[in-house]
Amino acid sequence: MEFIDIINATPLVSVDLIITNPDQKILLGKRLNRPALGFWFVPGGRIKKNEILDAAIARVSQAELGITLSRKDSQLLGAYDHIYTDNYLNKDEINTHYVALGYAFSLNETPVIQTDDQHSEIIWLSVEQLLNHPEVHPNSKAYFSPND
């Protein structure tokens, strides 16, 4: 079975990292890949089979940001459905469904972030800026919109 067949058949489980710096700004990366290509999005990634949450958060934060975050330093915001009309290969008629576990991190200092090959740049935005920015993906805005 190919990975695209799994995407077509079942939801994927992921962790999203909602990172706030001391200035109360949220870290976002501009996505270079599908789904959500071209949108600003909180860092995150798929949990691998048999990977525990602690390991997934450490791996994703190290791979995407160059820093290692620990789940014990976070607050679980909840589980969110992220459903996209496309997929990472842009194959016709296959959508992508993530069940994303949102973890909030409040940092005591703003770290130096090293972007990865999934993001063209990073930005720190206030919640108000994030909610009003047309290029921030609605799935990232959902972490700050209790009515959604």
C-alpha atoms as a PDB file:
ATOM      1  CA  MET A   1       0.000   0.000   0.000  1.00  0.00           C
ATOM      2  CA  GLU A   2       1.258   3.469  -0.909  1.00  0.00           C
ATOM      3  CA  PHE A   3       1.119   6.386   1.557  1.00  0.00           C
ATOM      4  CA  ILE A   4      -1.328   8.199  -0.755  1.00  0.00           C
ATOM      5  CA  ASP A   5      -3.697   5.210  -0.374  1.00  0.00           C
ATOM      6  CA  ILE A   6      -3.548   5.625   3.401  1.00  0.00           C
ATOM      7  CA  ILE A   7      -4.326   9.353   3.058  1.00  0.00           C
ATOM      8  CA  ASN A   8      -7.286   8.437   0.862  1.00  0.00           C
ATOM      9  CA  ALA A   9      -8.605   5.845   3.323  1.00  0.00           C
ATOM     10  CA  THR A  10      -8.097   7.233   6.816  1.00  0.00           C
ATOM     11  CA  PRO A  11      -7.352  10.344   8.878  1.00  0.00           C
ATOM     12  CA  LEU A  12      -3.783  11.096   9.896  1.00  0.00           C
ATOM     13  CA  VAL A  13      -2.950  12.139  13.459  1.00  0.00           C
ATOM     14  CA  SER A  14      -0.658  15.124  13.955  1.00  0.00           C
ATOM     15  CA  VAL A  15       0.654  17.557  16.542  1.00  0.00           C
ATOM     16  CA  ASP A  16       0.453  21.300  16.036  1.00  0.00           C
ATOM     17  CA  LEU A  17       2.742  23.529  18.064  1.00  0.00           C
ATOM     18  CA  ILE A  18       1.182  26.844  19.065  1.00  0.00           C
ATOM     19  CA  ILE A  19       4.230  28.753  20.267  1.00  0.00           C
ATOM     20  CA  THR A  20       3.923  32.107  22.040  1.00  0.00           C
ATOM     21  CA  ASN A  21       6.972  34.286  22.717  1.00  0.00           C
ATOM     22  CA  PRO A  22       7.353  36.739  25.655  1.00  0.00           C
ATOM     23  CA  ASP A  23       5.804  39.504  23.500  1.00  0.00           C
ATOM     24  CA  GLN A  24       2.633  37.364  23.217  1.00  0.00           C
ATOM     25  CA  LYS A  25       3.232  36.748  19.512  1.00  0.00           C
ATOM     26  CA  ILE A  26       2.576  33.435  17.797  1.00  0.00           C
ATOM     27  CA  LEU A  27       5.081  31.654  15.528  1.00  0.00           C
ATOM     28  CA  LEU A  28       3.915  30.854  11.987  1.00  0.00           C
ATOM     29  CA  GLY A  29       5.703  29.443   8.956  1.00  0.00           C
ATOM     30  CA  LYS A  30       4.861  30.056   5.275  1.00  0.00           C
ATOM     31  CA  ARG A  31       4.142  26.596   3.811  1.00  0.00           C
ATOM     32  CA  LEU A  32       5.972  25.398   0.716  1.00  0.00           C
ATOM     33  CA  ASN A  33       4.108  22.100   0.416  1.00  0.00           C
ATOM     34  CA  ARG A  34       0.586  20.728   0.248  1.00  0.00           C
ATOM     35  CA  PRO A  35      -1.807  20.799   1.890  1.00  0.00           C
ATOM     36  CA  ALA A  36      -2.110  24.486   2.847  1.00  0.00           C
ATOM     37  CA  LEU A  37       0.535  25.494   0.277  1.00  0.00           C
ATOM     38  CA  GLY A  38       1.273  29.223   0.444  1.00  0.00           C
ATOM     39  CA  PHE A  39      -0.481  29.817   3.769  1.00  0.00           C
ATOM     40  CA  TRP A  40       0.970  30.852   7.107  1.00  0.00           C
ATOM     41  CA  PHE A  41       0.519  27.954   9.514  1.00  0.00           C
ATOM     42  CA  VAL A  42       1.617  26.978  13.010  1.00  0.00           C
ATOM     43  CA  PRO A  43       4.427  24.400  13.020  1.00  0.00           C
ATOM     44  CA  GLY A  44       3.356  20.794  13.207  1.00  0.00           C
ATOM     45  CA  GLY A  45       3.550  17.366  11.715  1.00  0.00           C
ATOM     46  CA  ARG A  46       2.229  13.859  11.491  1.00  0.00           C
ATOM     47  CA  ILE A  47       2.730  11.418  14.339  1.00  0.00           C
ATOM     48  CA  LYS A  48       4.482   8.286  13.105  1.00  0.00           C
ATOM     49  CA  LYS A  49       3.216   4.791  13.913  1.00  0.00           C
ATOM     50  CA  ASN A  50       4.357   3.711  17.402  1.00  0.00           C
ATOM     51  CA  GLU A  51       5.751   7.190  18.113  1.00  0.00           C
ATOM     52  CA  ILE A  52       4.623   8.465  21.508  1.00  0.00           C
ATOM     53  CA  LEU A  53       3.443  12.073  21.830  1.00  0.00           C
ATOM     54  CA  ASP A  54       6.559  13.205  23.731  1.00  0.00           C
ATOM     55  CA  ALA A  55       8.792  11.911  20.942  1.00  0.00           C
ATOM     56  CA  ALA A  56       6.583  13.359  18.190  1.00  0.00           C
ATOM     57  CA  ILE A  57       6.644  16.849  19.687  1.00  0.00           C
ATOM     58  CA  ALA A  58      10.419  16.726  20.193  1.00  0.00           C
ATOM     59  CA  ARG A  59      10.998  15.421  16.642  1.00  0.00           C
ATOM     60  CA  VAL A  60       8.647  17.856  14.914  1.00  0.00           C
ATOM     61  CA  SER A  61       9.961  20.890  16.802  1.00  0.00           C
ATOM     62  CA  GLN A  62      13.583  19.933  16.116  1.00  0.00           C
ATOM     63  CA  ALA A  63      12.951  19.177  12.425  1.00  0.00           C
ATOM     64  CA  GLU A  64      10.815  22.231  11.661  1.00  0.00           C
ATOM     65  CA  LEU A  65      12.326  24.829  14.002  1.00  0.00           C
ATOM     66  CA  GLY A  66      15.777  23.698  15.092  1.00  0.00           C
ATOM     67  CA  ILE A  67      14.685  23.707  18.752  1.00  0.00           C
ATOM     68  CA  THR A  68      13.464  20.806  20.876  1.00  0.00           C
ATOM     69  CA  LEU A  69      10.218  21.340  22.740  1.00  0.00           C
ATOM     70  CA  SER A  70       8.949  19.099  25.505  1.00  0.00           C
ATOM     71  CA  ARG A  71       5.302  18.139  25.946  1.00  0.00           C
ATOM     72  CA  LYS A  72       5.626  18.637  29.718  1.00  0.00           C
ATOM     73  CA  ASP A  73       6.091  22.365  28.984  1.00  0.00           C
ATOM     74  CA  SER A  74       2.841  22.617  27.033  1.00  0.00           C
ATOM     75  CA  GLN A  75      -0.898  22.740  27.476  1.00  0.00           C
ATOM     76  CA  LEU A  76      -3.154  20.569  25.329  1.00  0.00           C
ATOM     77  CA  LEU A  77      -5.704  22.831  23.636  1.00  0.00           C
ATOM     78  CA  GLY A  78      -7.670  19.945  22.182  1.00  0.00           C
ATOM     79  CA  ALA A  79      -8.213  17.883  19.045  1.00  0.00           C
ATOM     80  CA  TYR A  80      -9.080  19.655  15.791  1.00  0.00           C
ATOM     81  CA  ASP A  81     -10.235  18.373  12.407  1.00  0.00           C
ATOM     82  CA  HIS A  82      -8.108  19.723   9.557  1.00  0.00           C
ATOM     83  CA  ILE A  83      -9.690  18.691   6.273  1.00  0.00           C
ATOM     84  CA  TYR A  84      -8.105  19.801   3.000  1.00  0.00           C
ATOM     85  CA  THR A  85      -9.353  19.352  -0.546  1.00  0.00           C
ATOM     86  CA  ASP A  86      -5.883  18.367  -1.773  1.00  0.00           C
ATOM     87  CA  ASN A  87      -2.990  16.124  -0.743  1.00  0.00           C
ATOM     88  CA  TYR A  88       0.809  16.276  -0.652  1.00  0.00           C
ATOM     89  CA  LEU A  89       1.081  14.786  -4.182  1.00  0.00           C
ATOM     90  CA  ASN A  90      -1.753  16.923  -5.587  1.00  0.00           C
ATOM     91  CA  LYS A  91      -3.479  13.771  -6.874  1.00  0.00           C
ATOM     92  CA  ASP A  92      -6.996  14.371  -8.152  1.00  0.00           C
ATOM     93  CA  GLU A  93      -9.983  13.436  -5.996  1.00  0.00           C
ATOM     94  CA  ILE A  94      -7.961  12.630  -2.859  1.00  0.00           C
ATOM     95  CA  ASN A  95      -8.384  14.945   0.090  1.00  0.00           C
ATOM     96  CA  THR A  96      -6.383  14.994   3.331  1.00  0.00           C
ATOM     97  CA  HIS A  97      -7.872  14.710   6.815  1.00  0.00           C
ATOM     98  CA  TYR A  98      -5.740  15.335   9.885  1.00  0.00           C
ATOM     99  CA  VAL A  99      -6.870  15.026  13.469  1.00  0.00           C
ATOM    100  CA  ALA A 100      -4.519  17.628  14.891  1.00  0.00           C
ATOM    101  CA  LEU A 101      -3.661  17.753  18.577  1.00  0.00           C
ATOM    102  CA  GLY A 102      -2.942  21.379  19.421  1.00  0.00           C
ATOM    103  CA  TYR A 103      -0.272  21.954  22.063  1.00  0.00           C
ATOM    104  CA  ALA A 104       0.381  25.484  23.375  1.00  0.00           C
ATOM    105  CA  PHE A 105       3.876  26.527  24.465  1.00  0.00           C
ATOM    106  CA  SER A 106       4.619  29.833  26.234  1.00  0.00           C
ATOM    107  CA  LEU A 107       8.317  30.584  25.898  1.00  0.00           C
ATOM    108  CA  ASN A 108      10.343  32.737  28.292  1.00  0.00           C
ATOM    109  CA  GLU A 109      12.538  34.009  25.462  1.00  0.00           C
ATOM    110  CA  THR A 110      12.202  34.233  21.696  1.00  0.00           C
ATOM    111  CA  PRO A 111      14.311  31.431  20.210  1.00  0.00           C
ATOM    112  CA  VAL A 112      16.396  31.595  17.072  1.00  0.00           C
ATOM    113  CA  ILE A 113      14.399  29.538  14.577  1.00  0.00           C
ATOM    114  CA  GLN A 114      15.978  27.615  11.715  1.00  0.00           C
ATOM    115  CA  THR A 115      13.471  27.141   8.913  1.00  0.00           C
ATOM    116  CA  ASP A 116      13.213  23.768   7.219  1.00  0.00           C
ATOM    117  CA  ASP A 117      12.428  22.729   3.649  1.00  0.00           C
ATOM    118  CA  GLN A 118       8.676  22.962   4.340  1.00  0.00           C
ATOM    119  CA  HIS A 119       8.660  26.694   5.077  1.00  0.00           C
ATOM    120  CA  SER A 120       9.972  29.651   3.086  1.00  0.00           C
ATOM    121  CA  GLU A 121      10.019  31.997   6.071  1.00  0.00           C
ATOM    122  CA  ILE A 122       8.696  32.497   9.580  1.00  0.00           C
ATOM    123  CA  ILE A 123       6.814  35.305  11.240  1.00  0.00           C
ATOM    124  CA  TRP A 124       5.679  36.200  14.751  1.00  0.00           C
ATOM    125  CA  LEU A 125       2.161  37.708  14.868  1.00  0.00           C
ATOM    126  CA  SER A 126      -0.100  38.861  17.675  1.00  0.00           C
ATOM    127  CA  VAL A 127      -3.370  36.978  17.994  1.00  0.00           C
ATOM    128  CA  GLU A 128      -5.208  39.972  16.529  1.00  0.00           C
ATOM    129  CA  GLN A 129      -2.814  40.162  13.552  1.00  0.00           C
ATOM    130  CA  LEU A 130      -3.076  36.408  13.033  1.00  0.00           C
ATOM    131  CA  LEU A 131      -6.872  36.413  13.069  1.00  0.00           C
ATOM    132  CA  ASN A 132      -7.048  39.326  10.607  1.00  0.00           C
ATOM    133  CA  HIS A 133      -4.322  38.175   8.208  1.00  0.00           C
ATOM    134  CA  PRO A 134      -5.809  36.813   4.955  1.00  0.00           C
ATOM    135  CA  GLU A 135      -2.900  34.405   4.387  1.00  0.00           C
ATOM    136  CA  VAL A 136      -3.067  32.701   7.795  1.00  0.00           C
ATOM    137  CA  HIS A 137      -4.820  29.394   7.218  1.00  0.00           C
ATOM    138  CA  PRO A 138      -8.235  29.003   8.895  1.00  0.00           C
ATOM    139  CA  ASN A 139      -7.002  25.831  10.621  1.00  0.00           C
ATOM    140  CA  SER A 140      -4.353  27.886  12.422  1.00  0.00           C
ATOM    141  CA  LYS A 141      -6.852  30.644  13.223  1.00  0.00           C
ATOM    142  CA  ALA A 142      -9.113  28.014  14.835  1.00  0.00           C
ATOM    143  CA  TYR A 143      -6.710  27.731  17.788  1.00  0.00           C
ATOM    144  CA  PHE A 144      -7.594  31.342  18.672  1.00  0.00           C
ATOM    145  CA  SER A 145     -11.282  31.414  17.694  1.00  0.00           C
ATOM    146  CA  PRO A 146     -13.313  29.706  20.429  1.00  0.00           C
ATOM    147  CA  ASN A 147     -16.540  30.118  18.456  1.00  0.00           C
ATOM    148  CA  ASP A 148     -15.342  28.002  15.506  1.00  0.00           C
END
